[in-house]
């Protein structure tokens, strides 16, 4: 494949993180801003299967303590959940302002399902933390997102796709974490092309759902089951375990097919693909 000088420079910049950079020695810290609290109810969610889920908010003054806890080391902080945006704009704004004031914080990122993301959120990010890295959870196309539903049991894919399009309009690049379930098996090329079709996506990470040991649905604080939990119960009762679970060999075949297509379709020139890039990094050592 012949590449222009401009394409080569783009690829060099894209893969610069394969080498050591100024965040290489940073401590990675995940801040669960609202514990396991989330505004959607993905059937395979591992957070809500924890024995003692909680929704307490992390305060800005607690964020300040990170400096003393890690004794001045560089920090790469990720706001996570549950769904971090359920803490509200004012609260997240206080946390971002605190992080922006800490010289040892070299990177701030946020992992979201994208449902609440709108222009007001992006305006706040631009104001308080313009370098904020955003990650979106989306399992490929509409078919692949069969397990990502609201408490009403309805798909959230349309709202997340709208958020990705909004991010593109705002000139922001994001990474996507996509769970590999039976809904995408044997469709690696199609799913990769779909995600690459969003102008905001510059990184895709395919992660496996190895949940074959799950035998009961997520516990509820009340006796009344939401539509999503009814769907989950039916999926858990499948003959071979949860209907969303896959086997390691299925995941390996999916990743190999996705990586091959990533190269032949030229997606490598714009999009980082995991676990492909991590494998390349390991082989280079």
C-alpha atoms as a PDB file:
ATOM      1  CA  UNK A   1       0.000   0.000   0.000  1.00  0.00           C
ATOM      2  CA  UNK A   2       1.521   3.329  -1.073  1.00  0.00           C
ATOM      3  CA  UNK A   3       1.033   6.165   1.393  1.00  0.00           C
ATOM      4  CA  UNK A   4       1.414   9.893   0.826  1.00  0.00           C
ATOM      5  CA  UNK A   5       3.737  11.971   3.018  1.00  0.00           C
ATOM      6  CA  UNK A   6       0.692  13.429   4.781  1.00  0.00           C
ATOM      7  CA  UNK A   7      -0.675   9.944   5.516  1.00  0.00           C
ATOM      8  CA  UNK A   8       2.677   8.798   6.903  1.00  0.00           C
ATOM      9  CA  UNK A   9       2.847  11.775   9.249  1.00  0.00           C
ATOM     10  CA  UNK A  10      -0.702  11.075  10.439  1.00  0.00           C
ATOM     11  CA  UNK A  11       0.122   7.440  11.156  1.00  0.00           C
ATOM     12  CA  UNK A  12       3.341   8.366  12.955  1.00  0.00           C
ATOM     13  CA  UNK A  13       1.387  10.672  15.228  1.00  0.00           C
ATOM     14  CA  UNK A  14      -1.327   8.094  15.776  1.00  0.00           C
ATOM     15  CA  UNK A  15       1.107   5.449  16.929  1.00  0.00           C
ATOM     16  CA  UNK A  16       3.505   7.633  18.861  1.00  0.00           C
ATOM     17  CA  UNK A  17       2.054   6.218  22.082  1.00  0.00           C
ATOM     18  CA  UNK A  18       3.631   2.870  21.197  1.00  0.00           C
ATOM     19  CA  UNK A  19       6.814   4.475  22.517  1.00  0.00           C
ATOM     20  CA  UNK A  20       7.434   5.766  26.028  1.00  0.00           C
ATOM     21  CA  UNK A  21       5.926   9.219  26.669  1.00  0.00           C
ATOM     22  CA  UNK A  22       5.645  11.671  29.537  1.00  0.00           C
ATOM     23  CA  UNK A  23       2.776   9.732  31.102  1.00  0.00           C
ATOM     24  CA  UNK A  24       4.623   6.416  31.089  1.00  0.00           C
ATOM     25  CA  UNK A  25       5.429   6.599  34.802  1.00  0.00           C
ATOM     26  CA  UNK A  26       2.102   8.087  35.845  1.00  0.00           C
ATOM     27  CA  UNK A  27      -0.043   6.269  38.377  1.00  0.00           C
ATOM     28  CA  UNK A  28      -3.345   5.253  36.812  1.00  0.00           C
ATOM     29  CA  UNK A  29      -6.215   6.171  39.146  1.00  0.00           C
ATOM     30  CA  UNK A  30      -9.859   5.288  38.503  1.00  0.00           C
ATOM     31  CA  UNK A  31     -12.312   7.536  40.350  1.00  0.00           C
ATOM     32  CA  UNK A  32     -15.801   6.064  40.598  1.00  0.00           C
ATOM     33  CA  UNK A  33     -17.729   9.299  40.859  1.00  0.00           C
ATOM     34  CA  UNK A  34     -21.044   7.581  41.687  1.00  0.00           C
ATOM     35  CA  UNK A  35     -20.077   4.048  42.555  1.00  0.00           C
ATOM     36  CA  UNK A  36     -22.126   1.549  40.556  1.00  0.00           C
ATOM     37  CA  UNK A  37     -24.995   3.980  39.894  1.00  0.00           C
ATOM     38  CA  UNK A  38     -26.006   4.039  36.229  1.00  0.00           C
ATOM     39  CA  UNK A  39     -28.859   5.429  34.171  1.00  0.00           C
ATOM     40  CA  UNK A  40     -29.076   2.348  31.927  1.00  0.00           C
ATOM     41  CA  UNK A  41     -29.219  -1.355  32.778  1.00  0.00           C
ATOM     42  CA  UNK A  42     -26.973  -3.388  30.467  1.00  0.00           C
ATOM     43  CA  UNK A  43     -27.842  -7.052  30.923  1.00  0.00           C
ATOM     44  CA  UNK A  44     -24.203  -8.144  31.225  1.00  0.00           C
ATOM     45  CA  UNK A  45     -23.146  -5.346  33.622  1.00  0.00           C
ATOM     46  CA  UNK A  46     -20.569  -6.669  36.091  1.00  0.00           C
ATOM     47  CA  UNK A  47     -20.693  -3.564  38.305  1.00  0.00           C
ATOM     48  CA  UNK A  48     -24.247  -4.215  39.431  1.00  0.00           C
ATOM     49  CA  UNK A  49     -23.414  -7.812  40.320  1.00  0.00           C
ATOM     50  CA  UNK A  50     -21.203  -6.654  43.196  1.00  0.00           C
ATOM     51  CA  UNK A  51     -22.299  -7.648  46.677  1.00  0.00           C
ATOM     52  CA  UNK A  52     -22.484  -4.122  48.078  1.00  0.00           C
ATOM     53  CA  UNK A  53     -23.076  -1.580  45.319  1.00  0.00           C
ATOM     54  CA  UNK A  54     -23.169   2.055  46.346  1.00  0.00           C
ATOM     55  CA  UNK A  55     -23.918   5.441  44.850  1.00  0.00           C
ATOM     56  CA  UNK A  56     -22.026   7.851  47.133  1.00  0.00           C
ATOM     57  CA  UNK A  57     -20.499  10.800  45.294  1.00  0.00           C
ATOM     58  CA  UNK A  58     -16.765  11.421  45.401  1.00  0.00           C
ATOM     59  CA  UNK A  59     -16.180  14.987  46.617  1.00  0.00           C
ATOM     60  CA  UNK A  60     -13.750  17.495  45.132  1.00  0.00           C
ATOM     61  CA  UNK A  61     -11.828  17.707  48.429  1.00  0.00           C
ATOM     62  CA  UNK A  62     -11.308  13.942  48.262  1.00  0.00           C
ATOM     63  CA  UNK A  63      -9.835  14.377  44.778  1.00  0.00           C
ATOM     64  CA  UNK A  64      -7.355  16.850  46.285  1.00  0.00           C
ATOM     65  CA  UNK A  65      -6.062  14.107  48.591  1.00  0.00           C
ATOM     66  CA  UNK A  66      -4.694  12.154  45.607  1.00  0.00           C
ATOM     67  CA  UNK A  67      -1.631  14.401  45.643  1.00  0.00           C
ATOM     68  CA  UNK A  68      -0.665  13.335  49.171  1.00  0.00           C
ATOM     69  CA  UNK A  69      -1.750   9.721  48.752  1.00  0.00           C
ATOM     70  CA  UNK A  70       0.606   9.259  45.804  1.00  0.00           C
ATOM     71  CA  UNK A  71       3.266  11.607  47.226  1.00  0.00           C
ATOM     72  CA  UNK A  72       3.687  13.899  44.248  1.00  0.00           C
ATOM     73  CA  UNK A  73       3.859  11.244  41.521  1.00  0.00           C
ATOM     74  CA  UNK A  74       2.332  11.990  38.135  1.00  0.00           C
ATOM     75  CA  UNK A  75      -1.290  10.906  37.904  1.00  0.00           C
ATOM     76  CA  UNK A  76      -3.487   9.746  35.026  1.00  0.00           C
ATOM     77  CA  UNK A  77      -7.031  10.026  36.384  1.00  0.00           C
ATOM     78  CA  UNK A  78     -10.097   8.394  34.840  1.00  0.00           C
ATOM     79  CA  UNK A  79     -13.642   9.257  35.932  1.00  0.00           C
ATOM     80  CA  UNK A  80     -15.648   6.080  35.816  1.00  0.00           C
ATOM     81  CA  UNK A  81     -18.779   4.384  37.137  1.00  0.00           C
ATOM     82  CA  UNK A  82     -21.404   3.095  36.896  1.00  0.00           C
ATOM     83  CA  UNK A  83     -22.108   6.193  34.847  1.00  0.00           C
ATOM     84  CA  UNK A  84     -20.072   9.216  36.014  1.00  0.00           C
ATOM     85  CA  UNK A  85     -22.362  11.786  34.365  1.00  0.00           C
ATOM     86  CA  UNK A  86     -25.198  10.802  36.728  1.00  0.00           C
ATOM     87  CA  UNK A  87     -23.348  12.875  39.344  1.00  0.00           C
ATOM     88  CA  UNK A  88     -24.532  15.996  37.481  1.00  0.00           C
ATOM     89  CA  UNK A  89     -22.754  18.827  35.674  1.00  0.00           C
ATOM     90  CA  UNK A  90     -22.139  20.946  38.766  1.00  0.00           C
ATOM     91  CA  UNK A  91     -20.536  18.099  40.685  1.00  0.00           C
ATOM     92  CA  UNK A  92     -18.423  16.825  37.780  1.00  0.00           C
ATOM     93  CA  UNK A  93     -17.421  20.429  37.091  1.00  0.00           C
ATOM     94  CA  UNK A  94     -16.052  20.756  40.626  1.00  0.00           C
ATOM     95  CA  UNK A  95     -14.036  17.574  40.195  1.00  0.00           C
ATOM     96  CA  UNK A  96     -12.643  18.631  36.815  1.00  0.00           C
ATOM     97  CA  UNK A  97     -11.705  22.055  38.162  1.00  0.00           C
ATOM     98  CA  UNK A  98      -9.863  20.403  41.042  1.00  0.00           C
ATOM     99  CA  UNK A  99      -8.004  18.036  38.712  1.00  0.00           C
ATOM    100  CA  UNK A 100      -7.078  20.936  36.412  1.00  0.00           C
ATOM    101  CA  UNK A 101      -5.509  22.757  39.365  1.00  0.00           C
ATOM    102  CA  UNK A 102      -3.239  19.818  40.284  1.00  0.00           C
ATOM    103  CA  UNK A 103       0.117  20.060  38.449  1.00  0.00           C
ATOM    104  CA  UNK A 104       0.864  16.357  38.932  1.00  0.00           C
ATOM    105  CA  UNK A 105      -2.224  15.329  36.937  1.00  0.00           C
ATOM    106  CA  UNK A 106      -0.937  14.699  33.405  1.00  0.00           C
ATOM    107  CA  UNK A 107      -4.068  13.160  31.921  1.00  0.00           C
ATOM    108  CA  UNK A 108      -7.790  13.183  32.692  1.00  0.00           C
ATOM    109  CA  UNK A 109     -10.243  10.846  30.991  1.00  0.00           C
ATOM    110  CA  UNK A 110     -13.898   9.968  31.361  1.00  0.00           C
ATOM    111  CA  UNK A 111     -15.648   6.707  30.463  1.00  0.00           C
ATOM    112  CA  UNK A 112     -19.346   7.158  29.725  1.00  0.00           C
ATOM    113  CA  UNK A 113     -22.223   5.325  28.092  1.00  0.00           C
ATOM    114  CA  UNK A 114     -22.889   8.546  26.178  1.00  0.00           C
ATOM    115  CA  UNK A 115     -26.623   8.677  26.886  1.00  0.00           C
ATOM    116  CA  UNK A 116     -26.519  11.940  28.863  1.00  0.00           C
ATOM    117  CA  UNK A 117     -23.820  13.582  26.773  1.00  0.00           C
ATOM    118  CA  UNK A 118     -25.008  16.800  25.114  1.00  0.00           C
ATOM    119  CA  UNK A 119     -23.792  20.256  24.049  1.00  0.00           C
ATOM    120  CA  UNK A 120     -23.947  21.592  27.621  1.00  0.00           C
ATOM    121  CA  UNK A 121     -21.680  18.819  28.891  1.00  0.00           C
ATOM    122  CA  UNK A 122     -19.223  19.411  26.051  1.00  0.00           C
ATOM    123  CA  UNK A 123     -19.238  23.171  26.686  1.00  0.00           C
ATOM    124  CA  UNK A 124     -18.285  22.486  30.295  1.00  0.00           C
ATOM    125  CA  UNK A 125     -15.515  20.091  29.279  1.00  0.00           C
ATOM    126  CA  UNK A 126     -14.133  22.664  26.841  1.00  0.00           C
ATOM    127  CA  UNK A 127     -14.161  25.299  29.563  1.00  0.00           C
ATOM    128  CA  UNK A 128     -12.709  23.354  32.485  1.00  0.00           C
ATOM    129  CA  UNK A 129     -10.714  20.532  30.909  1.00  0.00           C
ATOM    130  CA  UNK A 130     -10.253  20.981  27.139  1.00  0.00           C
ATOM    131  CA  UNK A 131      -7.828  18.052  26.965  1.00  0.00           C
ATOM    132  CA  UNK A 132     -10.278  15.647  28.592  1.00  0.00           C
ATOM    133  CA  UNK A 133     -10.165  12.256  26.900  1.00  0.00           C
ATOM    134  CA  UNK A 134     -13.603  10.729  26.420  1.00  0.00           C
ATOM    135  CA  UNK A 135     -14.359   7.040  26.111  1.00  0.00           C
ATOM    136  CA  UNK A 136     -17.745   5.755  24.925  1.00  0.00           C
ATOM    137  CA  UNK A 137     -19.187   2.299  25.576  1.00  0.00           C
ATOM    138  CA  UNK A 138     -20.854   0.956  22.423  1.00  0.00           C
ATOM    139  CA  UNK A 139     -20.891  -2.648  21.198  1.00  0.00           C
ATOM    140  CA  UNK A 140     -20.675  -1.961  17.478  1.00  0.00           C
ATOM    141  CA  UNK A 141     -23.857  -1.517  15.445  1.00  0.00           C
ATOM    142  CA  UNK A 142     -27.494  -1.642  16.588  1.00  0.00           C
ATOM    143  CA  UNK A 143     -27.564  -5.451  16.425  1.00  0.00           C
ATOM    144  CA  UNK A 144     -24.382  -5.725  18.459  1.00  0.00           C
ATOM    145  CA  UNK A 145     -25.866  -3.543  21.201  1.00  0.00           C
ATOM    146  CA  UNK A 146     -28.684  -5.983  21.960  1.00  0.00           C
ATOM    147  CA  UNK A 147     -27.619  -6.212  25.623  1.00  0.00           C
ATOM    148  CA  UNK A 148     -27.296  -2.458  26.215  1.00  0.00           C
ATOM    149  CA  UNK A 149     -30.777  -1.322  27.258  1.00  0.00           C
ATOM    150  CA  UNK A 150     -32.503   1.110  29.574  1.00  0.00           C
ATOM    151  CA  UNK A 151     -34.520   0.006  32.588  1.00  0.00           C
ATOM    152  CA  UNK A 152     -37.512  -0.015  30.252  1.00  0.00           C
ATOM    153  CA  UNK A 153     -35.799  -2.748  28.239  1.00  0.00           C
ATOM    154  CA  UNK A 154     -35.479  -0.541  25.156  1.00  0.00           C
ATOM    155  CA  UNK A 155     -32.180  -0.145  23.231  1.00  0.00           C
ATOM    156  CA  UNK A 156     -29.984   2.862  24.020  1.00  0.00           C
ATOM    157  CA  UNK A 157     -28.002   2.585  20.782  1.00  0.00           C
ATOM    158  CA  UNK A 158     -29.769   5.497  18.980  1.00  0.00           C
ATOM    159  CA  UNK A 159     -28.930   7.929  21.786  1.00  0.00           C
ATOM    160  CA  UNK A 160     -25.295   6.858  21.954  1.00  0.00           C
ATOM    161  CA  UNK A 161     -24.919   7.077  18.170  1.00  0.00           C
ATOM    162  CA  UNK A 162     -26.320  10.622  18.341  1.00  0.00           C
ATOM    163  CA  UNK A 163     -23.699  11.503  20.966  1.00  0.00           C
ATOM    164  CA  UNK A 164     -20.901  10.177  18.755  1.00  0.00           C
ATOM    165  CA  UNK A 165     -22.170  12.313  15.884  1.00  0.00           C
ATOM    166  CA  UNK A 166     -22.318  15.353  18.182  1.00  0.00           C
ATOM    167  CA  UNK A 167     -18.735  14.727  19.266  1.00  0.00           C
ATOM    168  CA  UNK A 168     -17.687  14.665  15.618  1.00  0.00           C
ATOM    169  CA  UNK A 169     -19.469  17.979  15.022  1.00  0.00           C
ATOM    170  CA  UNK A 170     -17.531  19.443  17.940  1.00  0.00           C
ATOM    171  CA  UNK A 171     -14.223  18.189  16.572  1.00  0.00           C
ATOM    172  CA  UNK A 172     -13.611  15.769  19.431  1.00  0.00           C
ATOM    173  CA  UNK A 173     -11.996  12.355  19.054  1.00  0.00           C
ATOM    174  CA  UNK A 174     -13.048   9.502  21.314  1.00  0.00           C
ATOM    175  CA  UNK A 175     -12.236   5.889  21.989  1.00  0.00           C
ATOM    176  CA  UNK A 176     -14.924   3.205  21.952  1.00  0.00           C
ATOM    177  CA  UNK A 177     -15.023   0.147  24.190  1.00  0.00           C
ATOM    178  CA  UNK A 178     -17.046  -2.609  22.517  1.00  0.00           C
ATOM    179  CA  UNK A 179     -18.015  -5.867  24.218  1.00  0.00           C
ATOM    180  CA  UNK A 180     -17.709  -8.965  22.053  1.00  0.00           C
ATOM    181  CA  UNK A 181     -20.848 -11.082  22.474  1.00  0.00           C
ATOM    182  CA  UNK A 182     -22.691 -13.552  20.220  1.00  0.00           C
ATOM    183  CA  UNK A 183     -24.436 -10.518  18.700  1.00  0.00           C
ATOM    184  CA  UNK A 184     -21.229  -9.590  16.828  1.00  0.00           C
ATOM    185  CA  UNK A 185     -19.586 -12.974  16.252  1.00  0.00           C
ATOM    186  CA  UNK A 186     -18.833 -13.703  12.594  1.00  0.00           C
ATOM    187  CA  UNK A 187     -19.472 -10.022  11.811  1.00  0.00           C
ATOM    188  CA  UNK A 188     -16.109  -8.495  12.758  1.00  0.00           C
ATOM    189  CA  UNK A 189     -15.630  -6.661   9.467  1.00  0.00           C
ATOM    190  CA  UNK A 190     -19.160  -5.232   9.478  1.00  0.00           C
ATOM    191  CA  UNK A 191     -18.959  -4.129  13.102  1.00  0.00           C
ATOM    192  CA  UNK A 192     -15.521  -2.541  12.665  1.00  0.00           C
ATOM    193  CA  UNK A 193     -16.664  -0.645   9.566  1.00  0.00           C
ATOM    194  CA  UNK A 194     -19.723   0.612  11.440  1.00  0.00           C
ATOM    195  CA  UNK A 195     -17.708   2.004  14.341  1.00  0.00           C
ATOM    196  CA  UNK A 196     -15.102   3.459  11.993  1.00  0.00           C
ATOM    197  CA  UNK A 197     -17.934   5.254  10.222  1.00  0.00           C
ATOM    198  CA  UNK A 198     -18.345   7.632  13.158  1.00  0.00           C
ATOM    199  CA  UNK A 199     -16.096  10.609  12.478  1.00  0.00           C
ATOM    200  CA  UNK A 200     -15.344  11.053  16.171  1.00  0.00           C
ATOM    201  CA  UNK A 201     -13.948   7.544  16.725  1.00  0.00           C
ATOM    202  CA  UNK A 202     -10.162   7.229  16.629  1.00  0.00           C
ATOM    203  CA  UNK A 203      -9.721   4.148  18.838  1.00  0.00           C
ATOM    204  CA  UNK A 204     -11.652   0.912  19.286  1.00  0.00           C
ATOM    205  CA  UNK A 205     -11.107  -1.684  21.991  1.00  0.00           C
ATOM    206  CA  UNK A 206     -12.833  -5.050  21.652  1.00  0.00           C
ATOM    207  CA  UNK A 207     -13.255  -6.726  25.043  1.00  0.00           C
ATOM    208  CA  UNK A 208     -14.688 -10.228  25.644  1.00  0.00           C
ATOM    209  CA  UNK A 209     -17.762 -11.258  27.621  1.00  0.00           C
ATOM    210  CA  UNK A 210     -16.432 -14.421  29.304  1.00  0.00           C
ATOM    211  CA  UNK A 211     -19.438 -14.714  31.628  1.00  0.00           C
ATOM    212  CA  UNK A 212     -20.278 -18.407  31.248  1.00  0.00           C
ATOM    213  CA  UNK A 213     -20.247 -18.963  35.035  1.00  0.00           C
ATOM    214  CA  UNK A 214     -23.041 -16.466  35.779  1.00  0.00           C
ATOM    215  CA  UNK A 215     -26.102 -18.404  36.901  1.00  0.00           C
ATOM    216  CA  UNK A 216     -28.393 -15.832  38.527  1.00  0.00           C
ATOM    217  CA  UNK A 217     -29.626 -12.391  37.579  1.00  0.00           C
ATOM    218  CA  UNK A 218     -28.577  -9.198  39.325  1.00  0.00           C
ATOM    219  CA  UNK A 219     -30.093  -8.712  42.770  1.00  0.00           C
ATOM    220  CA  UNK A 220     -32.734  -6.004  43.129  1.00  0.00           C
ATOM    221  CA  UNK A 221     -33.366  -3.698  46.119  1.00  0.00           C
ATOM    222  CA  UNK A 222     -37.123  -4.232  45.663  1.00  0.00           C
ATOM    223  CA  UNK A 223     -39.387  -7.073  44.597  1.00  0.00           C
ATOM    224  CA  UNK A 224     -40.578  -5.313  41.469  1.00  0.00           C
ATOM    225  CA  UNK A 225     -38.490  -6.226  38.429  1.00  0.00           C
ATOM    226  CA  UNK A 226     -37.800  -3.703  35.719  1.00  0.00           C
ATOM    227  CA  UNK A 227     -38.248  -4.729  32.089  1.00  0.00           C
ATOM    228  CA  UNK A 228     -34.471  -4.918  31.743  1.00  0.00           C
ATOM    229  CA  UNK A 229     -34.149  -7.387  34.620  1.00  0.00           C
ATOM    230  CA  UNK A 230     -36.859  -9.578  33.121  1.00  0.00           C
ATOM    231  CA  UNK A 231     -34.807  -9.687  29.914  1.00  0.00           C
ATOM    232  CA  UNK A 232     -31.692 -10.440  31.932  1.00  0.00           C
ATOM    233  CA  UNK A 233     -33.332 -13.335  33.762  1.00  0.00           C
ATOM    234  CA  UNK A 234     -34.344 -14.897  30.451  1.00  0.00           C
ATOM    235  CA  UNK A 235     -30.787 -14.493  29.120  1.00  0.00           C
ATOM    236  CA  UNK A 236     -29.216 -15.999  32.255  1.00  0.00           C
ATOM    237  CA  UNK A 237     -31.460 -19.044  31.999  1.00  0.00           C
ATOM    238  CA  UNK A 238     -30.081 -20.023  28.590  1.00  0.00           C
ATOM    239  CA  UNK A 239     -28.950 -23.650  28.397  1.00  0.00           C
ATOM    240  CA  UNK A 240     -25.211 -22.904  28.180  1.00  0.00           C
ATOM    241  CA  UNK A 241     -25.153 -19.990  30.588  1.00  0.00           C
ATOM    242  CA  UNK A 242     -25.833 -16.299  29.874  1.00  0.00           C
ATOM    243  CA  UNK A 243     -26.854 -15.738  26.269  1.00  0.00           C
ATOM    244  CA  UNK A 244     -24.353 -12.872  26.006  1.00  0.00           C
ATOM    245  CA  UNK A 245     -21.333 -15.020  26.941  1.00  0.00           C
ATOM    246  CA  UNK A 246     -18.692 -16.213  24.463  1.00  0.00           C
ATOM    247  CA  UNK A 247     -15.774 -18.641  24.629  1.00  0.00           C
ATOM    248  CA  UNK A 248     -12.079 -17.656  24.372  1.00  0.00           C
ATOM    249  CA  UNK A 249     -11.667 -19.287  20.962  1.00  0.00           C
ATOM    250  CA  UNK A 250     -14.643 -17.290  19.638  1.00  0.00           C
ATOM    251  CA  UNK A 251     -13.067 -14.089  20.920  1.00  0.00           C
ATOM    252  CA  UNK A 252      -9.722 -14.986  19.333  1.00  0.00           C
ATOM    253  CA  UNK A 253     -11.342 -15.600  15.959  1.00  0.00           C
ATOM    254  CA  UNK A 254     -13.238 -12.323  16.176  1.00  0.00           C
ATOM    255  CA  UNK A 255     -10.093 -10.348  17.038  1.00  0.00           C
ATOM    256  CA  UNK A 256      -8.112 -11.977  14.225  1.00  0.00           C
ATOM    257  CA  UNK A 257     -10.838 -11.159  11.694  1.00  0.00           C
ATOM    258  CA  UNK A 258     -11.158  -7.581  12.974  1.00  0.00           C
ATOM    259  CA  UNK A 259      -7.393  -7.028  12.891  1.00  0.00           C
ATOM    260  CA  UNK A 260      -7.083  -8.389   9.350  1.00  0.00           C
ATOM    261  CA  UNK A 261      -9.870  -6.097   8.159  1.00  0.00           C
ATOM    262  CA  UNK A 262      -8.409  -3.151  10.111  1.00  0.00           C
ATOM    263  CA  UNK A 263      -5.272  -3.510   7.983  1.00  0.00           C
ATOM    264  CA  UNK A 264      -6.736  -4.365   4.582  1.00  0.00           C
ATOM    265  CA  UNK A 265      -9.482  -1.726   4.779  1.00  0.00           C
ATOM    266  CA  UNK A 266      -6.958   0.959   5.761  1.00  0.00           C
ATOM    267  CA  UNK A 267      -8.590   1.714   9.112  1.00  0.00           C
ATOM    268  CA  UNK A 268      -5.149   1.488  10.743  1.00  0.00           C
ATOM    269  CA  UNK A 269      -4.327   4.915   9.284  1.00  0.00           C
ATOM    270  CA  UNK A 270      -6.929   6.636  11.496  1.00  0.00           C
ATOM    271  CA  UNK A 271      -7.979   4.236  14.241  1.00  0.00           C
ATOM    272  CA  UNK A 272      -6.088   2.412  16.965  1.00  0.00           C
ATOM    273  CA  UNK A 273      -7.412  -1.094  17.465  1.00  0.00           C
ATOM    274  CA  UNK A 274      -7.122  -3.113  20.646  1.00  0.00           C
ATOM    275  CA  UNK A 275      -5.954  -5.712  21.440  1.00  0.00           C
ATOM    276  CA  UNK A 276      -4.032  -5.463  18.140  1.00  0.00           C
ATOM    277  CA  UNK A 277      -1.883  -2.462  19.107  1.00  0.00           C
ATOM    278  CA  UNK A 278      -1.019  -3.910  22.535  1.00  0.00           C
ATOM    279  CA  UNK A 279       0.082  -7.111  20.823  1.00  0.00           C
ATOM    280  CA  UNK A 280       2.325  -5.127  18.471  1.00  0.00           C
ATOM    281  CA  UNK A 281       3.768  -3.248  21.443  1.00  0.00           C
ATOM    282  CA  UNK A 282       4.528  -6.493  23.238  1.00  0.00           C
ATOM    283  CA  UNK A 283       6.212  -7.979  20.170  1.00  0.00           C
ATOM    284  CA  UNK A 284       8.396  -4.891  19.835  1.00  0.00           C
ATOM    285  CA  UNK A 285       9.851  -5.307  23.332  1.00  0.00           C
END
